[in-house]
Protein backbone atom coordinates (compact mmCIF):
# COMPACT_ATOMS: atom_id res chain seq x y z
CA MET A 1 104.92 92.05 79.53
CA GLU A 2 102.87 91.10 82.88
CA LYS A 3 101.02 94.60 83.91
CA GLN A 4 101.35 95.89 86.99
CA ARG A 5 98.94 96.40 89.14
CA VAL A 6 97.77 99.37 90.99
CA LEU A 7 95.48 99.59 93.77
CA VAL A 8 93.36 103.00 93.90
CA ILE A 9 91.88 104.02 97.66
CA HIS A 10 89.43 106.35 97.47
CA GLN A 11 86.15 106.86 98.50
CA ASN A 12 84.57 108.52 95.76
CA GLU A 13 83.27 106.75 93.26
CA LYS A 14 83.95 109.31 91.00
CA THR A 15 87.38 109.85 91.34
CA ARG A 16 87.94 105.56 91.50
CA GLN A 17 86.59 106.17 87.55
CA GLY A 18 88.43 108.92 86.87
CA ILE A 19 91.39 107.46 87.44
CA HIS A 20 90.56 104.22 85.81
CA LYS A 21 89.86 106.60 82.99
CA ILE A 22 93.74 108.23 82.96
CA LEU A 23 95.45 104.79 83.96
CA SER A 24 93.23 102.17 81.39
CA ASN A 25 95.43 103.48 78.51
CA TYR A 26 98.40 102.37 79.78
CA ASN A 27 99.08 98.78 80.77
CA PHE A 28 97.69 98.65 84.49
CA GLU A 29 95.63 96.24 86.34
CA LEU A 30 93.41 98.42 87.94
CA LEU A 31 92.16 97.02 91.47
CA TYR A 32 89.71 99.05 93.99
CA ALA A 33 88.73 99.95 97.46
CA ALA A 34 86.42 102.29 98.81
CA ASP A 35 87.72 102.58 102.37
CA GLY A 36 91.25 102.06 104.24
CA LEU A 37 89.99 98.85 105.38
CA GLU A 38 89.23 97.27 102.28
CA GLY A 39 92.06 99.11 100.70
CA LEU A 40 94.45 96.88 103.77
CA ALA A 41 92.64 93.63 103.01
CA ALA A 42 93.52 94.03 99.53
CA SER A 43 96.86 94.98 99.76
CA LYS A 44 97.73 92.12 101.58
CA TYR A 45 95.34 89.95 99.29
CA ASP A 46 96.06 91.31 95.81
CA CYS A 47 99.71 91.75 96.18
CA PRO A 48 99.49 95.20 93.98
CA ASP A 49 102.92 96.77 92.88
CA LEU A 50 101.45 100.24 93.45
CA ILE A 51 99.44 102.08 95.86
CA ILE A 52 97.67 104.96 95.52
CA THR A 53 95.55 106.33 98.13
CA ASP A 54 93.35 109.47 99.22
CA ILE A 55 94.41 110.70 102.72
CA ASN A 56 90.76 111.28 103.88
CA LEU A 57 89.50 107.71 103.81
CA PRO A 58 86.17 106.07 105.92
CA ILE A 59 86.93 103.82 108.42
CA LEU A 60 90.80 103.84 108.16
CA ASP A 61 92.32 107.03 107.65
CA GLY A 62 94.97 106.98 104.70
CA VAL A 63 97.70 108.27 107.09
CA SER A 64 97.01 105.49 109.80
CA LEU A 65 96.46 102.87 106.47
CA SER A 66 99.82 103.50 105.27
CA GLN A 67 101.52 103.26 108.64
CA MET A 68 99.80 99.95 109.14
CA LEU A 69 101.40 99.06 105.41
CA ARG A 70 104.60 100.07 106.36
CA ASN A 71 104.75 97.99 109.84
CA ASP A 72 103.93 95.24 108.27
CA CYS A 73 106.31 92.54 106.50
CA CYS A 74 104.53 91.86 103.39
CA THR A 75 103.38 95.37 102.20
CA LYS A 76 106.16 97.77 103.60
CA ASN A 77 108.11 97.97 100.18
CA ILE A 78 104.83 98.66 98.32
CA PRO A 79 105.28 102.19 96.55
CA ILE A 80 102.23 104.97 98.07
CA ILE A 81 101.32 107.64 96.04
CA ILE A 82 99.06 109.52 98.79
CA LEU A 83 96.38 112.30 97.49
CA ASN A 84 95.08 115.08 99.31
CA ASP A 85 92.68 118.46 98.85
CA ASN A 86 94.85 120.58 100.59
CA LEU A 87 98.40 120.38 99.93
CA ASN A 88 100.46 122.14 103.03
CA TYR A 89 103.55 121.67 104.80
CA GLN A 90 102.22 119.46 107.65
CA PHE A 91 100.41 117.28 104.99
CA ALA A 92 104.36 117.17 102.98
CA CYS A 93 105.97 116.36 106.28
CA GLN A 94 103.19 113.68 106.65
CA ALA A 95 103.80 112.03 103.23
CA ARG A 96 106.82 111.78 103.51
CA SER A 97 107.90 110.21 107.09
CA LEU A 98 105.05 107.98 105.07
CA ASN A 99 107.46 107.49 102.60
CA ALA A 100 105.20 108.10 99.75
CA LYS A 101 106.50 108.35 96.54
CA ALA A 102 104.34 111.64 95.24
CA PHE A 103 101.48 113.14 96.72
CA LEU A 104 99.10 114.95 94.24
CA MET A 105 96.79 117.67 94.68
CA ARG A 106 93.55 117.56 93.12
CA PRO A 107 92.78 118.69 91.17
CA TYR A 108 95.75 117.13 88.86
CA LEU A 109 96.59 116.70 85.57
CA ASP A 110 96.46 113.34 84.07
CA ASN A 111 100.31 113.87 82.89
CA SER A 112 100.69 114.08 86.44
CA LEU A 113 99.21 110.86 87.82
CA VAL A 114 100.92 109.02 84.81
CA TYR A 115 104.25 110.61 85.43
CA ALA A 116 103.83 109.88 89.54
CA VAL A 117 103.01 105.93 88.85
CA ASN A 118 105.27 105.57 86.02
CA ARG A 119 108.03 107.08 88.27
CA ALA A 120 107.18 105.22 91.59
CA LEU A 121 107.06 101.70 89.73
CA GLY A 122 110.33 102.34 88.40
CA ASN A 123 109.22 102.82 84.52
CA ASN A 124 110.95 104.12 82.12
CA ILE A 125 109.37 107.18 80.86
CA PRO A 126 109.13 108.94 77.28
CA LYS A 127 111.68 111.53 77.20
CA ALA A 128 108.96 114.20 76.48
CA ASP A 129 107.24 113.10 79.65
CA ASN A 130 110.66 113.05 82.09
CA ARG A 131 110.01 116.59 83.79
CA LEU A 132 108.41 117.39 86.97
CA PRO A 133 104.52 118.42 86.22
CA TYR A 134 104.33 121.92 87.42
CA HIS A 135 101.82 120.82 90.60
CA LEU A 136 103.19 117.15 91.64
CA ALA A 137 105.43 117.05 94.59
CA ILE A 138 108.28 113.59 94.88
CA LYS A 139 109.74 112.77 98.10
CA THR A 140 113.19 114.10 97.69
CA ASN A 141 114.81 115.00 101.12
CA LYS A 142 113.11 117.94 101.80
CA PRO A 143 108.99 117.91 101.97
CA VAL A 144 108.38 119.61 99.05
CA LEU A 145 105.35 121.52 97.89
CA ALA A 146 103.05 121.95 94.97
CA ARG A 147 102.66 125.06 93.63
CA GLY A 148 99.27 125.88 92.79
């Protein structure tokens, strides 16, 4: 089976390494970008199956990046997971308006990230893990705030 390509866009090297540590145990090809502009270019050049992006990016913030991805015919169908330090109602509405598949508030559990990635990609989730992690908000009809 071909590895699914996941583009991680985050300005913090330690965060990128942490995501790598979590997802490298699964069948994903991981790609990285350190800012929004680099992430935009990588999303067009590398054709990822999923994008994980921070909301607070240098050069081009995560909201503007997501809007540009949604308005481009080549990237509009790539699912996006958004990371943020502060999950509040305004952020939840903003992420929902960008058609994000999920949004995670840091710190998050490893299984929450794996669950969100697999769900966004439409992968089968093992029965034992087929539950909504406690602090993960998945896109629903209404914005959902993670409990923390």
